[in-house]
Amino acid sequence: MPLTMVKEGQAASIKRVGGKDEVRRHLENMGFVPGADLTVVSVNGGNVIVNVKESRVAISKEMANKIMV
């Protein structure tokens, strides 16, 4: 399921990252790689704040839909 379906406070593991090469590379540079564990901190209007690899990152709804957990 896409990251946008994960509830606040819930932990998940990344299964795959979709999108164009440029988008995938950008997400991977922020720590969104397959096998990485993350926790959803906040969801606001579809935009998501997550803790991934000991960093807090905010991503748009469109980017979150490309991350499968």
N, C-alpha and C. Protein backbone atom coordinates (compact mmCIF):
# COMPACT_ATOMS: atom_id res chain seq x y z
N MET A 1 0.85 -1.18 0.00
CA MET A 1 0.00 0.00 0.00
C MET A 1 0.89 1.24 0.00
N PRO A 2 0.40 2.35 -0.52
CA PRO A 2 1.21 3.58 -0.54
C PRO A 2 1.36 4.17 0.86
N LEU A 3 2.40 4.94 1.04
CA LEU A 3 2.70 5.57 2.34
C LEU A 3 1.55 6.44 2.82
N THR A 4 0.77 7.01 1.90
CA THR A 4 -0.34 7.89 2.30
C THR A 4 -1.42 7.14 3.08
N MET A 5 -1.44 5.81 3.02
CA MET A 5 -2.45 5.02 3.72
C MET A 5 -2.05 4.70 5.17
N VAL A 6 -0.80 4.97 5.53
CA VAL A 6 -0.31 4.68 6.89
C VAL A 6 -0.81 5.77 7.83
N LYS A 7 -1.31 5.37 8.99
CA LYS A 7 -1.86 6.30 9.98
C LYS A 7 -0.74 6.94 10.81
N GLU A 8 -1.06 8.08 11.43
CA GLU A 8 -0.11 8.76 12.32
C GLU A 8 0.32 7.83 13.44
N GLY A 9 1.61 7.83 13.74
CA GLY A 9 2.13 7.01 14.83
C GLY A 9 2.43 5.58 14.44
N GLN A 10 2.05 5.19 13.24
CA GLN A 10 2.23 3.80 12.80
C GLN A 10 3.60 3.65 12.13
N ALA A 11 4.24 2.52 12.38
CA ALA A 11 5.54 2.21 11.76
C ALA A 11 5.31 1.33 10.54
N ALA A 12 6.22 1.42 9.58
CA ALA A 12 6.13 0.62 8.36
C ALA A 12 7.53 0.41 7.81
N SER A 13 7.64 -0.53 6.89
CA SER A 13 8.89 -0.80 6.21
C SER A 13 8.69 -0.55 4.72
N ILE A 14 9.64 0.10 4.09
CA ILE A 14 9.52 0.43 2.67
C ILE A 14 9.76 -0.83 1.83
N LYS A 15 8.81 -1.13 0.95
CA LYS A 15 8.92 -2.29 0.05
C LYS A 15 9.55 -1.90 -1.28
N ARG A 16 9.08 -0.78 -1.85
CA ARG A 16 9.68 -0.29 -3.10
C ARG A 16 9.36 1.19 -3.28
N VAL A 17 10.17 1.84 -4.11
CA VAL A 17 9.99 3.25 -4.41
C VAL A 17 9.76 3.36 -5.91
N GLY A 18 8.63 3.96 -6.29
CA GLY A 18 8.28 4.09 -7.71
C GLY A 18 8.58 5.47 -8.23
N GLY A 19 8.13 5.72 -9.46
CA GLY A 19 8.33 7.02 -10.09
C GLY A 19 9.46 7.01 -11.08
N LYS A 20 9.69 8.17 -11.69
CA LYS A 20 10.78 8.31 -12.66
C LYS A 20 12.12 8.21 -11.94
N ASP A 21 13.18 7.95 -12.71
CA ASP A 21 14.52 7.80 -12.13
C ASP A 21 14.91 8.99 -11.27
N GLU A 22 14.63 10.19 -11.75
CA GLU A 22 15.00 11.40 -11.01
C GLU A 22 14.28 11.46 -9.66
N VAL A 23 13.00 11.13 -9.64
CA VAL A 23 12.22 11.15 -8.41
C VAL A 23 12.71 10.07 -7.45
N ARG A 24 12.95 8.87 -7.98
CA ARG A 24 13.45 7.77 -7.14
C ARG A 24 14.79 8.12 -6.52
N ARG A 25 15.67 8.70 -7.31
CA ARG A 25 17.00 9.08 -6.80
C ARG A 25 16.87 10.12 -5.69
N HIS A 26 15.98 11.09 -5.89
CA HIS A 26 15.76 12.13 -4.87
C HIS A 26 15.26 11.52 -3.57
N LEU A 27 14.27 10.61 -3.67
CA LEU A 27 13.73 9.96 -2.47
C LEU A 27 14.79 9.09 -1.80
N GLU A 28 15.60 8.38 -2.59
CA GLU A 28 16.65 7.53 -2.02
C GLU A 28 17.69 8.38 -1.30
N ASN A 29 17.99 9.56 -1.82
CA ASN A 29 18.95 10.45 -1.15
C ASN A 29 18.42 10.93 0.20
N MET A 30 17.10 10.97 0.36
CA MET A 30 16.51 11.38 1.63
C MET A 30 16.34 10.20 2.59
N GLY A 31 16.70 8.98 2.14
CA GLY A 31 16.63 7.82 3.02
C GLY A 31 15.50 6.87 2.72
N PHE A 32 14.70 7.16 1.70
CA PHE A 32 13.58 6.28 1.34
C PHE A 32 14.07 5.17 0.41
N VAL A 33 14.67 4.15 1.00
CA VAL A 33 15.19 3.02 0.23
C VAL A 33 14.46 1.75 0.66
N PRO A 34 14.32 0.77 -0.25
CA PRO A 34 13.66 -0.48 0.13
C PRO A 34 14.34 -1.12 1.33
N GLY A 35 13.52 -1.57 2.28
CA GLY A 35 14.02 -2.19 3.50
C GLY A 35 14.15 -1.23 4.68
N ALA A 36 14.11 0.06 4.42
CA ALA A 36 14.23 1.05 5.50
C ALA A 36 12.93 1.10 6.30
N ASP A 37 13.07 1.25 7.62
CA ASP A 37 11.91 1.39 8.50
C ASP A 37 11.61 2.87 8.67
N LEU A 38 10.32 3.19 8.76
CA LEU A 38 9.92 4.57 8.97
C LEU A 38 8.71 4.61 9.89
N THR A 39 8.49 5.78 10.48
CA THR A 39 7.33 6.02 11.34
C THR A 39 6.67 7.31 10.88
N VAL A 40 5.34 7.26 10.69
CA VAL A 40 4.60 8.45 10.28
C VAL A 40 4.39 9.32 11.51
N VAL A 41 4.86 10.56 11.46
CA VAL A 41 4.74 11.49 12.57
C VAL A 41 3.43 12.27 12.46
N SER A 42 3.14 12.76 11.25
CA SER A 42 1.98 13.61 11.06
C SER A 42 1.49 13.53 9.63
N VAL A 43 0.16 13.66 9.47
CA VAL A 43 -0.45 13.73 8.14
C VAL A 43 -1.30 14.99 8.13
N ASN A 44 -1.05 15.87 7.15
CA ASN A 44 -1.77 17.13 7.08
C ASN A 44 -2.19 17.38 5.63
N GLY A 45 -3.46 17.16 5.34
CA GLY A 45 -3.95 17.38 3.99
C GLY A 45 -3.33 16.45 2.97
N GLY A 46 -2.91 15.26 3.40
CA GLY A 46 -2.27 14.31 2.50
C GLY A 46 -0.76 14.40 2.52
N ASN A 47 -0.22 15.56 2.90
CA ASN A 47 1.23 15.69 3.04
C ASN A 47 1.66 14.95 4.31
N VAL A 48 2.84 14.34 4.27
CA VAL A 48 3.25 13.42 5.33
C VAL A 48 4.59 13.85 5.91
N ILE A 49 4.70 13.79 7.24
CA ILE A 49 5.98 13.96 7.93
C ILE A 49 6.34 12.61 8.52
N VAL A 50 7.54 12.12 8.18
CA VAL A 50 7.96 10.80 8.64
C VAL A 50 9.35 10.87 9.27
N ASN A 51 9.60 9.93 10.18
CA ASN A 51 10.95 9.69 10.69
C ASN A 51 11.49 8.53 9.89
N VAL A 52 12.58 8.77 9.18
CA VAL A 52 13.22 7.71 8.41
C VAL A 52 14.73 7.85 8.59
N LYS A 53 15.40 6.76 8.95
CA LYS A 53 16.86 6.77 9.17
C LYS A 53 17.27 7.90 10.09
N GLU A 54 16.60 8.03 11.21
CA GLU A 54 16.91 9.01 12.26
C GLU A 54 16.80 10.46 11.79
N SER A 55 16.02 10.71 10.74
CA SER A 55 15.77 12.06 10.25
C SER A 55 14.27 12.26 10.11
N ARG A 56 13.83 13.47 10.33
CA ARG A 56 12.42 13.81 10.13
C ARG A 56 12.30 14.51 8.78
N VAL A 57 11.46 13.95 7.91
CA VAL A 57 11.34 14.46 6.55
C VAL A 57 9.88 14.70 6.22
N ALA A 58 9.59 15.84 5.58
CA ALA A 58 8.24 16.15 5.12
C ALA A 58 8.20 15.94 3.61
N ILE A 59 7.19 15.20 3.14
CA ILE A 59 7.05 14.99 1.70
C ILE A 59 5.60 15.22 1.29
N SER A 60 5.44 15.57 0.03
CA SER A 60 4.11 15.85 -0.49
C SER A 60 3.31 14.56 -0.67
N LYS A 61 2.01 14.73 -0.84
CA LYS A 61 1.12 13.59 -1.07
C LYS A 61 1.53 12.84 -2.33
N GLU A 62 1.92 13.57 -3.38
CA GLU A 62 2.32 12.93 -4.64
C GLU A 62 3.56 12.05 -4.44
N MET A 63 4.54 12.55 -3.69
CA MET A 63 5.75 11.77 -3.42
C MET A 63 5.42 10.57 -2.54
N ALA A 64 4.57 10.78 -1.53
CA ALA A 64 4.21 9.69 -0.61
C ALA A 64 3.48 8.57 -1.34
N ASN A 65 2.73 8.90 -2.39
CA ASN A 65 2.04 7.87 -3.16
C ASN A 65 2.99 7.00 -3.95
N LYS A 66 4.22 7.44 -4.18
CA LYS A 66 5.21 6.67 -4.92
C LYS A 66 5.97 5.69 -4.02
N ILE A 67 5.80 5.83 -2.70
CA ILE A 67 6.52 4.97 -1.74
C ILE A 67 5.56 3.88 -1.27
N MET A 68 5.90 2.63 -1.58
CA MET A 68 5.07 1.49 -1.19
C MET A 68 5.62 0.86 0.08
N VAL A 69 4.72 0.62 1.04
CA VAL A 69 5.12 0.03 2.32
C VAL A 69 4.41 -1.28 2.54
